[in-house]
Structures are given as structure tokens and as C-alpha cells.
Amino acid sequence: MDEVWRKLSGILKDREPASQPSREEMEPLPPKKKMALLLMVSQSESEPTVQRQNLRQARAHTKTMLANALHRSP
């Protein structure tokens, strides 16, 4: 599971400007939240409908994270 999380973190880091710290450096996810995200992803692999819903939720969450990061930057 840590490997999946590292891949997701790497993808997000590639999308952020180099001058800004990564989200993990700013506020690391609590272990329970991290596990919930990983479980959501693993469940979606076998359920196409759930997978689409999770993808929409993940995209919305990513947009919110990026908007918050841009709002916080000087």
C-alpha cells in the first residue's frame, strides 16, 4: 500500500510548481485518512461504477487541494 501512496504522491508532486513544498510537507495525512483513500482505490478496481464515482471524487478533491495551495501561496 505504501508503494501506491508513493506513486500518487509522486504524481501530485510533478503537477505542483517546484518552488512550493509538497502537500505532505505542509500537512501530512493522518494514517486513518491515508488508509481510507487506499481502501477506496482498492475497492474500485473490481467495481467499475464505484471506480467512476471514486475518480470523480478524487478529481474534485485534487482540484480543491490545488485551489487551496494556490490560495495559500504568497
N, C-alpha and C. Protein backbone atom coordinates (compact mmCIF):
# COMPACT_ATOMS: atom_id res chain seq x y z
N MET A 1 0.81 -1.19 0.00
CA MET A 1 0.00 0.00 0.00
C MET A 1 0.86 1.26 0.00
N ASP A 2 2.00 1.19 0.67
CA ASP A 2 2.88 2.36 0.68
C ASP A 2 3.39 2.67 -0.72
N GLU A 3 3.59 1.64 -1.52
CA GLU A 3 4.05 1.85 -2.89
C GLU A 3 3.02 2.65 -3.70
N VAL A 4 1.76 2.30 -3.53
CA VAL A 4 0.68 3.03 -4.22
C VAL A 4 0.66 4.48 -3.77
N TRP A 5 0.78 4.69 -2.46
CA TRP A 5 0.77 6.05 -1.92
C TRP A 5 1.96 6.85 -2.45
N ARG A 6 3.13 6.22 -2.55
CA ARG A 6 4.31 6.91 -3.08
C ARG A 6 4.08 7.32 -4.53
N LYS A 7 3.46 6.43 -5.32
CA LYS A 7 3.18 6.75 -6.72
C LYS A 7 2.22 7.93 -6.82
N LEU A 8 1.15 7.91 -6.01
CA LEU A 8 0.19 9.02 -6.02
C LEU A 8 0.86 10.32 -5.59
N SER A 9 1.69 10.26 -4.58
CA SER A 9 2.40 11.45 -4.11
C SER A 9 3.33 11.98 -5.20
N GLY A 10 4.00 11.07 -5.90
CA GLY A 10 4.90 11.48 -6.98
C GLY A 10 4.16 12.17 -8.10
N ILE A 11 2.97 11.66 -8.43
CA ILE A 11 2.17 12.28 -9.48
C ILE A 11 1.77 13.69 -9.07
N LEU A 12 1.33 13.84 -7.83
CA LEU A 12 0.92 15.16 -7.35
C LEU A 12 2.11 16.11 -7.29
N LYS A 13 3.28 15.62 -6.89
CA LYS A 13 4.46 16.47 -6.83
C LYS A 13 4.85 16.96 -8.21
N ASP A 14 4.69 16.12 -9.23
CA ASP A 14 5.02 16.51 -10.60
C ASP A 14 4.13 17.64 -11.09
N ARG A 15 2.92 17.72 -10.58
CA ARG A 15 1.97 18.74 -11.02
C ARG A 15 2.15 20.06 -10.28
N GLU A 16 2.80 20.06 -9.14
CA GLU A 16 2.99 21.28 -8.36
C GLU A 16 4.25 22.01 -8.83
N PRO A 17 4.23 23.34 -8.76
CA PRO A 17 5.44 24.09 -9.09
C PRO A 17 6.58 23.71 -8.14
N ALA A 18 7.79 23.70 -8.64
CA ALA A 18 8.94 23.24 -7.87
C ALA A 18 9.22 24.12 -6.66
N SER A 19 8.85 25.39 -6.71
CA SER A 19 9.15 26.31 -5.61
C SER A 19 8.27 26.09 -4.39
N GLN A 20 7.16 25.38 -4.53
CA GLN A 20 6.26 25.16 -3.41
C GLN A 20 6.55 23.81 -2.77
N PRO A 21 6.42 23.73 -1.43
CA PRO A 21 6.58 22.43 -0.78
C PRO A 21 5.40 21.53 -1.13
N SER A 22 5.64 20.24 -1.10
CA SER A 22 4.57 19.29 -1.41
C SER A 22 3.51 19.33 -0.32
N ARG A 23 2.34 18.80 -0.62
CA ARG A 23 1.25 18.78 0.35
C ARG A 23 1.66 17.98 1.59
N GLU A 24 2.39 16.88 1.39
CA GLU A 24 2.83 16.06 2.52
C GLU A 24 3.74 16.85 3.45
N GLU A 25 4.59 17.71 2.88
CA GLU A 25 5.48 18.50 3.71
C GLU A 25 4.71 19.56 4.49
N MET A 26 3.65 20.09 3.88
CA MET A 26 2.87 21.13 4.54
C MET A 26 1.98 20.55 5.64
N GLU A 27 1.22 19.52 5.35
CA GLU A 27 0.35 18.88 6.33
C GLU A 27 0.15 17.42 5.96
N PRO A 28 0.91 16.52 6.56
CA PRO A 28 0.81 15.10 6.23
C PRO A 28 -0.57 14.55 6.58
N LEU A 29 -1.03 13.59 5.77
CA LEU A 29 -2.32 12.95 6.03
C LEU A 29 -2.21 12.05 7.26
N PRO A 30 -3.22 12.09 8.11
CA PRO A 30 -3.23 11.15 9.23
C PRO A 30 -3.33 9.72 8.69
N PRO A 31 -2.76 8.75 9.39
CA PRO A 31 -2.78 7.37 8.90
C PRO A 31 -4.18 6.85 8.56
N LYS A 32 -5.20 7.19 9.35
CA LYS A 32 -6.56 6.70 9.07
C LYS A 32 -7.07 7.24 7.75
N LYS A 33 -6.80 8.51 7.47
CA LYS A 33 -7.26 9.11 6.22
C LYS A 33 -6.53 8.47 5.04
N LYS A 34 -5.24 8.24 5.21
CA LYS A 34 -4.43 7.61 4.17
C LYS A 34 -4.96 6.22 3.86
N MET A 35 -5.26 5.45 4.90
CA MET A 35 -5.78 4.10 4.71
C MET A 35 -7.15 4.13 4.03
N ALA A 36 -7.99 5.10 4.40
CA ALA A 36 -9.32 5.19 3.79
C ALA A 36 -9.20 5.45 2.30
N LEU A 37 -8.27 6.33 1.92
CA LEU A 37 -8.05 6.61 0.50
C LEU A 37 -7.56 5.37 -0.24
N LEU A 38 -6.64 4.64 0.36
CA LEU A 38 -6.12 3.44 -0.28
C LEU A 38 -7.19 2.36 -0.39
N LEU A 39 -8.02 2.22 0.63
CA LEU A 39 -9.11 1.24 0.56
C LEU A 39 -10.11 1.61 -0.51
N MET A 40 -10.39 2.90 -0.65
CA MET A 40 -11.32 3.34 -1.67
C MET A 40 -10.79 2.98 -3.05
N VAL A 41 -9.51 3.16 -3.27
CA VAL A 41 -8.89 2.83 -4.55
C VAL A 41 -8.92 1.33 -4.79
N SER A 42 -8.58 0.53 -3.79
CA SER A 42 -8.53 -0.92 -3.98
C SER A 42 -9.92 -1.50 -4.22
N GLN A 43 -10.95 -0.97 -3.59
CA GLN A 43 -12.31 -1.45 -3.81
C GLN A 43 -12.78 -1.11 -5.22
N SER A 44 -12.34 0.02 -5.72
CA SER A 44 -12.82 0.46 -7.03
C SER A 44 -12.28 -0.39 -8.18
N GLU A 45 -11.19 -1.10 -7.96
CA GLU A 45 -10.61 -1.90 -9.03
C GLU A 45 -11.56 -2.99 -9.51
N SER A 46 -12.41 -3.50 -8.63
CA SER A 46 -13.31 -4.58 -9.01
C SER A 46 -14.73 -4.10 -9.29
N GLU A 47 -15.00 -2.83 -9.08
CA GLU A 47 -16.35 -2.31 -9.28
C GLU A 47 -16.29 -1.08 -10.18
N PRO A 48 -16.60 -1.24 -11.49
CA PRO A 48 -16.48 -0.12 -12.43
C PRO A 48 -17.30 1.12 -12.05
N THR A 49 -18.53 0.93 -11.56
CA THR A 49 -19.36 2.08 -11.19
C THR A 49 -18.73 2.83 -10.03
N VAL A 50 -18.30 2.09 -9.03
CA VAL A 50 -17.65 2.70 -7.88
C VAL A 50 -16.36 3.38 -8.32
N GLN A 51 -15.66 2.76 -9.25
CA GLN A 51 -14.42 3.33 -9.75
C GLN A 51 -14.67 4.70 -10.38
N ARG A 52 -15.71 4.83 -11.18
CA ARG A 52 -16.02 6.12 -11.79
C ARG A 52 -16.38 7.16 -10.73
N GLN A 53 -17.15 6.75 -9.74
CA GLN A 53 -17.53 7.67 -8.67
C GLN A 53 -16.30 8.11 -7.88
N ASN A 54 -15.42 7.17 -7.58
CA ASN A 54 -14.21 7.49 -6.84
C ASN A 54 -13.30 8.40 -7.65
N LEU A 55 -13.25 8.18 -8.95
CA LEU A 55 -12.43 9.02 -9.82
C LEU A 55 -12.96 10.45 -9.79
N ARG A 56 -14.28 10.60 -9.87
CA ARG A 56 -14.88 11.94 -9.80
C ARG A 56 -14.55 12.60 -8.46
N GLN A 57 -14.67 11.84 -7.38
CA GLN A 57 -14.37 12.38 -6.06
C GLN A 57 -12.90 12.75 -5.94
N ALA A 58 -12.03 11.91 -6.47
CA ALA A 58 -10.59 12.19 -6.41
C ALA A 58 -10.25 13.43 -7.22
N ARG A 59 -10.87 13.59 -8.39
CA ARG A 59 -10.63 14.79 -9.20
C ARG A 59 -11.10 16.03 -8.47
N ALA A 60 -12.29 15.96 -7.88
CA ALA A 60 -12.81 17.11 -7.13
C ALA A 60 -11.90 17.44 -5.96
N HIS A 61 -11.43 16.40 -5.26
CA HIS A 61 -10.53 16.61 -4.13
C HIS A 61 -9.21 17.23 -4.59
N THR A 62 -8.68 16.75 -5.70
CA THR A 62 -7.43 17.29 -6.24
C THR A 62 -7.60 18.76 -6.61
N LYS A 63 -8.72 19.09 -7.26
CA LYS A 63 -8.97 20.49 -7.61
C LYS A 63 -9.03 21.36 -6.36
N THR A 64 -9.69 20.87 -5.33
CA THR A 64 -9.78 21.62 -4.07
C THR A 64 -8.41 21.80 -3.45
N MET A 65 -7.61 20.72 -3.43
CA MET A 65 -6.26 20.80 -2.86
C MET A 65 -5.42 21.82 -3.61
N LEU A 66 -5.46 21.78 -4.94
CA LEU A 66 -4.68 22.71 -5.74
C LEU A 66 -5.16 24.15 -5.54
N ALA A 67 -6.47 24.35 -5.48
CA ALA A 67 -7.00 25.69 -5.26
C ALA A 67 -6.57 26.21 -3.90
N ASN A 68 -6.60 25.36 -2.88
CA ASN A 68 -6.16 25.77 -1.55
C ASN A 68 -4.67 26.09 -1.54
N ALA A 69 -3.88 25.29 -2.23
CA ALA A 69 -2.44 25.52 -2.28
C ALA A 69 -2.13 26.83 -2.99
N LEU A 70 -2.84 27.11 -4.07
CA LEU A 70 -2.63 28.37 -4.79
C LEU A 70 -3.09 29.55 -3.95
N HIS A 71 -4.15 29.37 -3.21
CA HIS A 71 -4.67 30.44 -2.37
C HIS A 71 -3.70 30.78 -1.24
N ARG A 72 -3.01 29.76 -0.71
CA ARG A 72 -2.07 29.96 0.40
C ARG A 72 -0.73 30.52 -0.06
N SER A 73 -0.39 30.35 -1.32
CA SER A 73 0.93 30.80 -1.78
C SER A 73 0.98 32.33 -1.83
N PRO A 74 2.15 32.91 -1.51
CA PRO A 74 2.27 34.39 -1.47
C PRO A 74 2.20 35.01 -2.84
